[in-house]
Amino acid sequence: MSQSERFEWPGRRVGDAAHDQLAAFLRMDIQRDLEWAADLCAEIEAVSAGRAPSWQRVGNAYCLRITREAAELEDVIDDEAPVTRLPLAELRAAAEAWRAMLT
C-alpha cells in the first residue's frame, strides 16, 4: 500500500464516507503534485479569510467547491453519488497534511 493510500491527517475518521472521499479526491485529483497541493491550500486560505467568496476545481474524478461555510465534493464519474459536504476546517487539515506529505 502506498503512502497516499493509507493517508491520514489530524482529525481523520477512518471508515467515514466523507473522509474516504476526501482522501480519494486528494489521491486522484491533486495527486502527488506539490504545486496543485500548494494551490489548493492557498485557495482554502483565501476563501476562509474572505479574500475570495468561493472557489471551484474540476478534476479527474471530483468537483470541489468551497465557500466560507463548507466544502462540497461531487463525484464527476458517478452521477448518482451524493454530494459530500465537509466543514472547511476538515478540508484544510487534509490538504495541509497532503502538502506536507509531498515535501
PDB file of N, CA and C in Angstrom:
ATOM      1  N   MET A   1       0.841  -1.179   0.000  1.00  0.00           N
ATOM      2  CA  MET A   1       0.000   0.000   0.000  1.00  0.00           C
ATOM      3  C   MET A   1       0.886   1.241   0.000  1.00  0.00           C
ATOM      4  N   SER A   2       0.591   2.186  -0.900  1.00  0.00           N
ATOM      5  CA  SER A   2       1.400   3.396  -0.993  1.00  0.00           C
ATOM      6  C   SER A   2       1.076   4.353   0.140  1.00  0.00           C
ATOM      7  N   GLN A   3       1.961   5.341   0.297  1.00  0.00           N
ATOM      8  CA  GLN A   3       1.770   6.330   1.352  1.00  0.00           C
ATOM      9  C   GLN A   3       0.452   7.075   1.174  1.00  0.00           C
ATOM     10  N   SER A   4       0.084   7.402  -0.056  1.00  0.00           N
ATOM     11  CA  SER A   4      -1.158   8.143  -0.270  1.00  0.00           C
ATOM     12  C   SER A   4      -2.389   7.284  -0.027  1.00  0.00           C
ATOM     13  N   GLU A   5      -2.293   5.958  -0.213  1.00  0.00           N
ATOM     14  CA  GLU A   5      -3.442   5.081   0.014  1.00  0.00           C
ATOM     15  C   GLU A   5      -3.754   4.929   1.496  1.00  0.00           C
ATOM     16  N   ARG A   6      -2.782   5.063   2.360  1.00  0.00           N
ATOM     17  CA  ARG A   6      -3.044   4.977   3.793  1.00  0.00           C
ATOM     18  C   ARG A   6      -2.928   6.355   4.444  1.00  0.00           C
ATOM     19  N   PHE A   7      -3.194   7.367   3.681  1.00  0.00           N
ATOM     20  CA  PHE A   7      -3.057   8.751   4.096  1.00  0.00           C
ATOM     21  C   PHE A   7      -3.952   9.079   5.291  1.00  0.00           C
ATOM     22  N   GLU A   8      -3.362   9.686   6.284  1.00  0.00           N
ATOM     23  CA  GLU A   8      -4.066  10.130   7.485  1.00  0.00           C
ATOM     24  C   GLU A   8      -3.797  11.605   7.697  1.00  0.00           C
ATOM     25  N   TRP A   9      -4.654  12.277   8.430  1.00  0.00           N
ATOM     26  CA  TRP A   9      -4.446  13.672   8.814  1.00  0.00           C
ATOM     27  C   TRP A   9      -5.081  13.877  10.181  1.00  0.00           C
ATOM     28  N   PRO A  10      -4.706  14.937  10.868  1.00  0.00           N
ATOM     29  CA  PRO A  10      -5.302  15.202  12.182  1.00  0.00           C
ATOM     30  C   PRO A  10      -6.824  15.325  12.063  1.00  0.00           C
ATOM     31  N   GLY A  11      -7.527  14.521  12.818  1.00  0.00           N
ATOM     32  CA  GLY A  11      -8.982  14.518  12.772  1.00  0.00           C
ATOM     33  C   GLY A  11      -9.573  13.528  11.795  1.00  0.00           C
ATOM     34  N   ARG A  12      -8.738  12.773  11.089  1.00  0.00           N
ATOM     35  CA  ARG A  12      -9.211  11.792  10.094  1.00  0.00           C
ATOM     36  C   ARG A  12     -10.056  10.731  10.782  1.00  0.00           C
ATOM     37  N   ARG A  13     -11.245  10.505  10.249  1.00  0.00           N
ATOM     38  CA  ARG A  13     -12.135   9.466  10.763  1.00  0.00           C
ATOM     39  C   ARG A  13     -12.086   8.282   9.786  1.00  0.00           C
ATOM     40  N   VAL A  14     -11.383   7.261  10.174  1.00  0.00           N
ATOM     41  CA  VAL A  14     -11.238   6.072   9.332  1.00  0.00           C
ATOM     42  C   VAL A  14     -12.605   5.408   9.174  1.00  0.00           C
ATOM     43  N   GLY A  15     -12.949   5.079   7.937  1.00  0.00           N
ATOM     44  CA  GLY A  15     -14.229   4.442   7.663  1.00  0.00           C
ATOM     45  C   GLY A  15     -15.375   5.422   7.480  1.00  0.00           C
ATOM     46  N   ASP A  16     -15.130   6.714   7.650  1.00  0.00           N
ATOM     47  CA  ASP A  16     -16.135   7.739   7.425  1.00  0.00           C
ATOM     48  C   ASP A  16     -16.201   8.011   5.920  1.00  0.00           C
ATOM     49  N   ALA A  17     -17.376   7.901   5.329  1.00  0.00           N
ATOM     50  CA  ALA A  17     -17.523   8.023   3.878  1.00  0.00           C
ATOM     51  C   ALA A  17     -17.025   9.383   3.360  1.00  0.00           C
ATOM     52  N   ALA A  18     -17.312  10.451   4.080  1.00  0.00           N
ATOM     53  CA  ALA A  18     -16.874  11.783   3.639  1.00  0.00           C
ATOM     54  C   ALA A  18     -15.360  11.894   3.666  1.00  0.00           C
ATOM     55  N   HIS A  19     -14.724  11.364   4.707  1.00  0.00           N
ATOM     56  CA  HIS A  19     -13.264  11.427   4.791  1.00  0.00           C
ATOM     57  C   HIS A  19     -12.621  10.488   3.782  1.00  0.00           C
ATOM     58  N   ASP A  20     -13.254   9.354   3.519  1.00  0.00           N
ATOM     59  CA  ASP A  20     -12.740   8.453   2.481  1.00  0.00           C
ATOM     60  C   ASP A  20     -12.796   9.140   1.113  1.00  0.00           C
ATOM     61  N   GLN A  21     -13.883   9.867   0.854  1.00  0.00           N
ATOM     62  CA  GLN A  21     -13.999  10.566  -0.422  1.00  0.00           C
ATOM     63  C   GLN A  21     -12.990  11.711  -0.506  1.00  0.00           C
ATOM     64  N   LEU A  22     -12.749  12.395   0.588  1.00  0.00           N
ATOM     65  CA  LEU A  22     -11.749  13.457   0.613  1.00  0.00           C
ATOM     66  C   LEU A  22     -10.357  12.897   0.319  1.00  0.00           C
ATOM     67  N   ALA A  23     -10.019  11.768   0.915  1.00  0.00           N
ATOM     68  CA  ALA A  23      -8.729  11.125   0.642  1.00  0.00           C
ATOM     69  C   ALA A  23      -8.636  10.712  -0.830  1.00  0.00           C
ATOM     70  N   ALA A  24      -9.746  10.214  -1.383  1.00  0.00           N
ATOM     71  CA  ALA A  24      -9.760   9.825  -2.800  1.00  0.00           C
ATOM     72  C   ALA A  24      -9.576  11.048  -3.700  1.00  0.00           C
ATOM     73  N   PHE A  25     -10.202  12.170  -3.346  1.00  0.00           N
ATOM     74  CA  PHE A  25     -10.020  13.412  -4.106  1.00  0.00           C
ATOM     75  C   PHE A  25      -8.551  13.816  -4.125  1.00  0.00           C
ATOM     76  N   LEU A  26      -7.920  13.804  -2.973  1.00  0.00           N
ATOM     77  CA  LEU A  26      -6.510  14.186  -2.912  1.00  0.00           C
ATOM     78  C   LEU A  26      -5.653  13.239  -3.746  1.00  0.00           C
ATOM     79  N   ARG A  27      -5.922  11.963  -3.632  1.00  0.00           N
ATOM     80  CA  ARG A  27      -5.133  10.957  -4.349  1.00  0.00           C
ATOM     81  C   ARG A  27      -5.346  11.046  -5.862  1.00  0.00           C
ATOM     82  N   MET A  28      -6.605  11.215  -6.305  1.00  0.00           N
ATOM     83  CA  MET A  28      -6.901  11.150  -7.734  1.00  0.00           C
ATOM     84  C   MET A  28      -6.834  12.501  -8.447  1.00  0.00           C
ATOM     85  N   ASP A  29      -7.164  13.582  -7.736  1.00  0.00           N
ATOM     86  CA  ASP A  29      -7.231  14.875  -8.417  1.00  0.00           C
ATOM     87  C   ASP A  29      -6.065  15.805  -8.093  1.00  0.00           C
ATOM     88  N   ILE A  30      -5.598  15.813  -6.881  1.00  0.00           N
ATOM     89  CA  ILE A  30      -4.426  16.618  -6.541  1.00  0.00           C
ATOM     90  C   ILE A  30      -3.159  15.817  -6.840  1.00  0.00           C
ATOM     91  N   GLN A  31      -3.256  14.524  -6.655  1.00  0.00           N
ATOM     92  CA  GLN A  31      -2.181  13.579  -6.941  1.00  0.00           C
ATOM     93  C   GLN A  31      -0.917  13.942  -6.163  1.00  0.00           C
ATOM     94  N   ARG A  32       0.202  13.619  -6.686  1.00  0.00           N
ATOM     95  CA  ARG A  32       1.473  13.877  -5.994  1.00  0.00           C
ATOM     96  C   ARG A  32       2.125  15.145  -6.538  1.00  0.00           C
ATOM     97  N   ASP A  33       1.276  16.102  -6.902  1.00  0.00           N
ATOM     98  CA  ASP A  33       1.733  17.358  -7.493  1.00  0.00           C
ATOM     99  C   ASP A  33       1.786  18.435  -6.409  1.00  0.00           C
ATOM    100  N   LEU A  34       2.978  18.780  -6.010  1.00  0.00           N
ATOM    101  CA  LEU A  34       3.168  19.752  -4.931  1.00  0.00           C
ATOM    102  C   LEU A  34       2.569  21.114  -5.295  1.00  0.00           C
ATOM    103  N   GLU A  35       2.671  21.511  -6.550  1.00  0.00           N
ATOM    104  CA  GLU A  35       2.107  22.796  -6.970  1.00  0.00           C
ATOM    105  C   GLU A  35       0.584  22.802  -6.818  1.00  0.00           C
ATOM    106  N   TRP A  36      -0.070  21.721  -7.214  1.00  0.00           N
ATOM    107  CA  TRP A  36      -1.522  21.637  -7.066  1.00  0.00           C
ATOM    108  C   TRP A  36      -1.906  21.638  -5.595  1.00  0.00           C
ATOM    109  N   ALA A  37      -1.145  20.922  -4.772  1.00  0.00           N
ATOM    110  CA  ALA A  37      -1.426  20.882  -3.337  1.00  0.00           C
ATOM    111  C   ALA A  37      -1.272  22.265  -2.713  1.00  0.00           C
ATOM    112  N   ALA A  38      -0.219  22.978  -3.097  1.00  0.00           N
ATOM    113  CA  ALA A  38       0.003  24.326  -2.570  1.00  0.00           C
ATOM    114  C   ALA A  38      -1.106  25.269  -3.030  1.00  0.00           C
ATOM    115  N   ASP A  39      -1.534  25.142  -4.277  1.00  0.00           N
ATOM    116  CA  ASP A  39      -2.619  25.969  -4.799  1.00  0.00           C
ATOM    117  C   ASP A  39      -3.913  25.699  -4.031  1.00  0.00           C
ATOM    118  N   LEU A  40      -4.215  24.441  -3.773  1.00  0.00           N
ATOM    119  CA  LEU A  40      -5.407  24.086  -3.007  1.00  0.00           C
ATOM    120  C   LEU A  40      -5.364  24.737  -1.630  1.00  0.00           C
ATOM    121  N   CYS A  41      -4.240  24.634  -0.943  1.00  0.00           N
ATOM    122  CA  CYS A  41      -4.112  25.235   0.388  1.00  0.00           C
ATOM    123  C   CYS A  41      -4.273  26.752   0.328  1.00  0.00           C
ATOM    124  N   ALA A  42      -3.703  27.378  -0.693  1.00  0.00           N
ATOM    125  CA  ALA A  42      -3.820  28.830  -0.847  1.00  0.00           C
ATOM    126  C   ALA A  42      -5.265  29.246  -1.109  1.00  0.00           C
ATOM    127  N   GLU A  43      -5.973  28.495  -1.913  1.00  0.00           N
ATOM    128  CA  GLU A  43      -7.369  28.825  -2.209  1.00  0.00           C
ATOM    129  C   GLU A  43      -8.258  28.623  -0.985  1.00  0.00           C
ATOM    130  N   ILE A  44      -8.009  27.572  -0.223  1.00  0.00           N
ATOM    131  CA  ILE A  44      -8.763  27.367   1.021  1.00  0.00           C
ATOM    132  C   ILE A  44      -8.549  28.556   1.950  1.00  0.00           C
ATOM    133  N   GLU A  45      -7.315  29.001   2.072  1.00  0.00           N
ATOM    134  CA  GLU A  45      -6.995  30.140   2.929  1.00  0.00           C
ATOM    135  C   GLU A  45      -7.657  31.416   2.420  1.00  0.00           C
ATOM    136  N   ALA A  46      -7.653  31.639   1.110  1.00  0.00           N
ATOM    137  CA  ALA A  46      -8.265  32.846   0.537  1.00  0.00           C
ATOM    138  C   ALA A  46      -9.767  32.888   0.813  1.00  0.00           C
ATOM    139  N   VAL A  47     -10.428  31.764   0.670  1.00  0.00           N
ATOM    140  CA  VAL A  47     -11.867  31.714   0.936  1.00  0.00           C
ATOM    141  C   VAL A  47     -12.121  31.857   2.437  1.00  0.00           C
ATOM    142  N   SER A  48     -11.346  31.154   3.248  1.00  0.00           N
ATOM    143  CA  SER A  48     -11.518  31.230   4.704  1.00  0.00           C
ATOM    144  C   SER A  48     -11.351  32.654   5.218  1.00  0.00           C
ATOM    145  N   ALA A  49     -10.392  33.374   4.661  1.00  0.00           N
ATOM    146  CA  ALA A  49     -10.090  34.738   5.106  1.00  0.00           C
ATOM    147  C   ALA A  49     -11.015  35.784   4.493  1.00  0.00           C
ATOM    148  N   GLY A  50     -11.864  35.353   3.566  1.00  0.00           N
ATOM    149  CA  GLY A  50     -12.790  36.292   2.946  1.00  0.00           C
ATOM    150  C   GLY A  50     -12.210  37.052   1.764  1.00  0.00           C
ATOM    151  N   ARG A  51     -11.020  36.681   1.321  1.00  0.00           N
ATOM    152  CA  ARG A  51     -10.421  37.345   0.150  1.00  0.00           C
ATOM    153  C   ARG A  51     -11.053  36.862  -1.148  1.00  0.00           C
ATOM    154  N   ALA A  52     -11.721  35.732  -1.098  1.00  0.00           N
ATOM    155  CA  ALA A  52     -12.456  35.196  -2.250  1.00  0.00           C
ATOM    156  C   ALA A  52     -13.780  34.638  -1.717  1.00  0.00           C
ATOM    157  N   PRO A  53     -14.888  34.856  -2.430  1.00  0.00           N
ATOM    158  CA  PRO A  53     -16.173  34.365  -1.917  1.00  0.00           C
ATOM    159  C   PRO A  53     -16.324  32.851  -2.036  1.00  0.00           C
ATOM    160  N   SER A  54     -15.667  32.271  -3.030  1.00  0.00           N
ATOM    161  CA  SER A  54     -15.748  30.823  -3.248  1.00  0.00           C
ATOM    162  C   SER A  54     -14.646  30.426  -4.221  1.00  0.00           C
ATOM    163  N   TRP A  55     -14.516  29.112  -4.407  1.00  0.00           N
ATOM    164  CA  TRP A  55     -13.532  28.588  -5.351  1.00  0.00           C
ATOM    165  C   TRP A  55     -14.004  27.217  -5.783  1.00  0.00           C
ATOM    166  N   GLN A  56     -13.676  26.845  -7.012  1.00  0.00           N
ATOM    167  CA  GLN A  56     -14.074  25.547  -7.549  1.00  0.00           C
ATOM    168  C   GLN A  56     -12.948  24.960  -8.380  1.00  0.00           C
ATOM    169  N   ARG A  57     -12.804  23.637  -8.293  1.00  0.00           N
ATOM    170  CA  ARG A  57     -11.821  22.926  -9.113  1.00  0.00           C
ATOM    171  C   ARG A  57     -12.460  21.641  -9.605  1.00  0.00           C
ATOM    172  N   VAL A  58     -12.479  21.461 -10.920  1.00  0.00           N
ATOM    173  CA  VAL A  58     -12.968  20.224 -11.514  1.00  0.00           C
ATOM    174  C   VAL A  58     -11.755  19.394 -11.879  1.00  0.00           C
ATOM    175  N   GLY A  59     -11.698  18.190 -11.335  1.00  0.00           N
ATOM    176  CA  GLY A  59     -10.558  17.329 -11.582  1.00  0.00           C
ATOM    177  C   GLY A  59     -10.933  16.087 -12.365  1.00  0.00           C
ATOM    178  N   ASN A  60     -10.090  15.085 -12.251  1.00  0.00           N
ATOM    179  CA  ASN A  60     -10.300  13.820 -12.959  1.00  0.00           C
ATOM    180  C   ASN A  60     -11.527  13.067 -12.468  1.00  0.00           C
ATOM    181  N   ALA A  61     -11.766  13.110 -11.164  1.00  0.00           N
ATOM    182  CA  ALA A  61     -12.829  12.305 -10.571  1.00  0.00           C
ATOM    183  C   ALA A  61     -13.834  13.109  -9.762  1.00  0.00           C
ATOM    184  N   TYR A  62     -13.440  14.298  -9.311  1.00  0.00           N
ATOM    185  CA  TYR A  62     -14.301  15.080  -8.422  1.00  0.00           C
ATOM    186  C   TYR A  62     -14.331  16.545  -8.813  1.00  0.00           C
ATOM    187  N   CYS A  63     -15.421  17.190  -8.439  1.00  0.00           N
ATOM    188  CA  CYS A  63     -15.522  18.640  -8.496  1.00  0.00           C
ATOM    189  C   CYS A  63     -15.544  19.105  -7.040  1.00  0.00           C
ATOM    190  N   LEU A  64     -14.622  19.972  -6.685  1.00  0.00           N
ATOM    191  CA  LEU A  64     -14.555  20.529  -5.339  1.00  0.00           C
ATOM    192  C   LEU A  64     -15.022  21.971  -5.395  1.00  0.00           C
ATOM    193  N   ARG A  65     -15.994  22.303  -4.554  1.00  0.00           N
ATOM    194  CA  ARG A  65     -16.461  23.675  -4.401  1.00  0.00           C
ATOM    195  C   ARG A  65     -16.276  24.058  -2.941  1.00  0.00           C
ATOM    196  N   ILE A  66     -15.694  25.230  -2.720  1.00  0.00           N
ATOM    197  CA  ILE A  66     -15.538  25.680  -1.334  1.00  0.00           C
ATOM    198  C   ILE A  66     -16.123  27.077  -1.173  1.00  0.00           C
ATOM    199  N   THR A  67     -16.749  27.258  -0.027  1.00  0.00           N
ATOM    200  CA  THR A  67     -17.239  28.556   0.417  1.00  0.00           C
ATOM    201  C   THR A  67     -16.774  28.708   1.862  1.00  0.00           C
ATOM    202  N   ARG A  68     -17.025  29.833   2.449  1.00  0.00           N
ATOM    203  CA  ARG A  68     -16.633  30.026   3.855  1.00  0.00           C
ATOM    204  C   ARG A  68     -17.378  29.069   4.765  1.00  0.00           C
ATOM    205  N   GLU A  69     -18.537  28.603   4.335  1.00  0.00           N
ATOM    206  CA  GLU A  69     -19.356  27.721   5.165  1.00  0.00           C
ATOM    207  C   GLU A  69     -18.935  26.254   5.093  1.00  0.00           C
ATOM    208  N   ALA A  70     -18.514  25.794   3.912  1.00  0.00           N
ATOM    209  CA  ALA A  70     -18.261  24.358   3.757  1.00  0.00           C
ATOM    210  C   ALA A  70     -17.522  24.051   2.459  1.00  0.00           C
ATOM    211  N   ALA A  71     -17.110  22.803   2.371  1.00  0.00           N
ATOM    212  CA  ALA A  71     -16.535  22.253   1.152  1.00  0.00           C
ATOM    213  C   ALA A  71     -17.490  21.178   0.641  1.00  0.00           C
ATOM    214  N   GLU A  72     -17.679  21.132  -0.660  1.00  0.00           N
ATOM    215  CA  GLU A  72     -18.524  20.111  -1.272  1.00  0.00           C
ATOM    216  C   GLU A  72     -17.724  19.356  -2.313  1.00  0.00           C
ATOM    217  N   LEU A  73     -17.783  18.037  -2.236  1.00  0.00           N
ATOM    218  CA  LEU A  73     -17.135  17.162  -3.209  1.00  0.00           C
ATOM    219  C   LEU A  73     -18.216  16.431  -3.987  1.00  0.00           C
ATOM    220  N   GLU A  74     -18.162  16.577  -5.302  1.00  0.00           N
ATOM    221  CA  GLU A  74     -19.116  15.900  -6.168  1.00  0.00           C
ATOM    222  C   GLU A  74     -18.362  14.949  -7.080  1.00  0.00           C
ATOM    223  N   ASP A  75     -18.783  13.715  -7.111  1.00  0.00           N
ATOM    224  CA  ASP A  75     -18.191  12.703  -7.973  1.00  0.00           C
ATOM    225  C   ASP A  75     -18.606  13.006  -9.402  1.00  0.00           C
ATOM    226  N   VAL A  76     -17.653  13.268 -10.294  1.00  0.00           N
ATOM    227  CA  VAL A  76     -17.994  13.613 -11.678  1.00  0.00           C
ATOM    228  C   VAL A  76     -18.106  12.382 -12.571  1.00  0.00           C
ATOM    229  N   ILE A  77     -17.788  11.226 -12.032  1.00  0.00           N
ATOM    230  CA  ILE A  77     -17.903   9.984 -12.802  1.00  0.00           C
ATOM    231  C   ILE A  77     -19.230   9.296 -12.521  1.00  0.00           C
ATOM    232  N   ASP A  78     -19.601   9.217 -11.240  1.00  0.00           N
ATOM    233  CA  ASP A  78     -20.840   8.563 -10.820  1.00  0.00           C
ATOM    234  C   ASP A  78     -21.911   9.625 -10.589  1.00  0.00           C
ATOM    235  N   ASP A  79     -22.806   9.773 -11.559  1.00  0.00           N
ATOM    236  CA  ASP A  79     -23.863  10.794 -11.478  1.00  0.00           C
ATOM    237  C   ASP A  79     -24.839  10.552 -10.330  1.00  0.00           C
ATOM    238  N   GLU A  80     -24.898   9.336  -9.837  1.00  0.00           N
ATOM    239  CA  GLU A  80     -25.855   9.009  -8.776  1.00  0.00           C
ATOM    240  C   GLU A  80     -25.254   9.129  -7.380  1.00  0.00           C
ATOM    241  N   ALA A  81     -23.962   9.361  -7.289  1.00  0.00           N
ATOM    242  CA  ALA A  81     -23.325   9.502  -5.981  1.00  0.00           C
ATOM    243  C   ALA A  81     -23.761  10.818  -5.341  1.00  0.00           C
ATOM    244  N   PRO A  82     -24.058  10.787  -4.046  1.00  0.00           N
ATOM    245  CA  PRO A  82     -24.462  12.031  -3.391  1.00  0.00           C
ATOM    246  C   PRO A  82     -23.286  12.998  -3.249  1.00  0.00           C
ATOM    247  N   VAL A  83     -23.584  14.276  -3.202  1.00  0.00           N
ATOM    248  CA  VAL A  83     -22.576  15.293  -2.957  1.00  0.00           C
ATOM    249  C   VAL A  83     -22.183  15.214  -1.485  1.00  0.00           C
ATOM    250  N   THR A  84     -20.894  15.222  -1.224  1.00  0.00           N
ATOM    251  CA  THR A  84     -20.379  15.172   0.143  1.00  0.00           C
ATOM    252  C   THR A  84     -20.088  16.580   0.612  1.00  0.00           C
ATOM    253  N   ARG A  85     -20.570  16.903   1.791  1.00  0.00           N
ATOM    254  CA  ARG A  85     -20.351  18.238   2.373  1.00  0.00           C
ATOM    255  C   ARG A  85     -19.501  18.080   3.630  1.00  0.00           C
ATOM    256  N   LEU A  86     -18.437  18.881   3.716  1.00  0.00           N
ATOM    257  CA  LEU A  86     -17.494  18.831   4.838  1.00  0.00           C
ATOM    258  C   LEU A  86     -17.247  20.238   5.376  1.00  0.00           C
ATOM    259  N   PRO A  87     -16.994  20.353   6.674  1.00  0.00           N
ATOM    260  CA  PRO A  87     -16.550  21.643   7.201  1.00  0.00           C
ATOM    261  C   PRO A  87     -15.234  22.049   6.539  1.00  0.00           C
ATOM    262  N   LEU A  88     -15.071  23.320   6.283  1.00  0.00           N
ATOM    263  CA  LEU A  88     -13.860  23.811   5.631  1.00  0.00           C
ATOM    264  C   LEU A  88     -12.613  23.474   6.442  1.00  0.00           C
ATOM    265  N   ALA A  89     -12.732  23.453   7.753  1.00  0.00           N
ATOM    266  CA  ALA A  89     -11.588  23.118   8.611  1.00  0.00           C
ATOM    267  C   ALA A  89     -11.091  21.696   8.358  1.00  0.00           C
ATOM    268  N   GLU A  90     -12.001  20.775   8.059  1.00  0.00           N
ATOM    269  CA  GLU A  90     -11.592  19.396   7.775  1.00  0.00           C
ATOM    270  C   GLU A  90     -10.860  19.320   6.440  1.00  0.00           C
ATOM    271  N   LEU A  91     -11.361  20.046   5.437  1.00  0.00           N
ATOM    272  CA  LEU A  91     -10.662  20.097   4.147  1.00  0.00           C
ATOM    273  C   LEU A  91      -9.278  20.699   4.333  1.00  0.00           C
ATOM    274  N   ARG A  92      -9.190  21.779   5.096  1.00  0.00           N
ATOM    275  CA  ARG A  92      -7.901  22.439   5.321  1.00  0.00           C
ATOM    276  C   ARG A  92      -6.914  21.479   5.990  1.00  0.00           C
ATOM    277  N   ALA A  93      -7.336  20.772   7.012  1.00  0.00           N
ATOM    278  CA  ALA A  93      -6.439  19.843   7.706  1.00  0.00           C
ATOM    279  C   ALA A  93      -5.928  18.765   6.759  1.00  0.00           C
ATOM    280  N   ALA A  94      -6.816  18.217   5.936  1.00  0.00           N
ATOM    281  CA  ALA A  94      -6.416  17.170   4.997  1.00  0.00           C
ATOM    282  C   ALA A  94      -5.486  17.723   3.922  1.00  0.00           C
ATOM    283  N   ALA A  95      -5.807  18.885   3.372  1.00  0.00           N
ATOM    284  CA  ALA A  95      -4.983  19.478   2.314  1.00  0.00           C
ATOM    285  C   ALA A  95      -3.588  19.839   2.821  1.00  0.00           C
ATOM    286  N   GLU A  96      -3.527  20.401   4.021  1.00  0.00           N
ATOM    287  CA  GLU A  96      -2.212  20.756   4.580  1.00  0.00           C
ATOM    288  C   GLU A  96      -1.383  19.502   4.862  1.00  0.00           C
ATOM    289  N   ALA A  97      -2.003  18.461   5.350  1.00  0.00           N
ATOM    290  CA  ALA A  97      -1.288  17.213   5.605  1.00  0.00           C
ATOM    291  C   ALA A  97      -0.813  16.581   4.295  1.00  0.00           C
ATOM    292  N   TRP A  98      -1.655  16.662   3.259  1.00  0.00           N
ATOM    293  CA  TRP A  98      -1.282  16.127   1.936  1.00  0.00           C
ATOM    294  C   TRP A  98      -0.064  16.868   1.394  1.00  0.00           C
ATOM    295  N   ARG A  99      -0.112  18.203   1.474  1.00  0.00           N
ATOM    296  CA  ARG A  99       1.029  19.008   1.004  1.00  0.00           C
ATOM    297  C   ARG A  99       2.286  18.671   1.804  1.00  0.00           C
ATOM    298  N   ALA A 100       2.163  18.530   3.105  1.00  0.00           N
ATOM    299  CA  ALA A 100       3.324  18.203   3.937  1.00  0.00           C
ATOM    300  C   ALA A 100       3.876  16.831   3.565  1.00  0.00           C
ATOM    301  N   MET A 101       3.014  15.894   3.238  1.00  0.00           N
ATOM    302  CA  MET A 101       3.468  14.557   2.842  1.00  0.00           C
ATOM    303  C   MET A 101       4.294  14.618   1.560  1.00  0.00           C
ATOM    304  N   LEU A 102       3.973  15.569   0.682  1.00  0.00           N
ATOM    305  CA  LEU A 102       4.650  15.672  -0.605  1.00  0.00           C
ATOM    306  C   LEU A 102       6.012  16.361  -0.519  1.00  0.00           C
ATOM    307  N   THR A 103       6.232  17.079   0.566  1.00  0.00           N
ATOM    308  CA  THR A 103       7.510  17.807   0.670  1.00  0.00           C
ATOM    309  C   THR A 103       8.576  16.976   1.329  1.00  0.00           C
TER     310      THR A 103
END
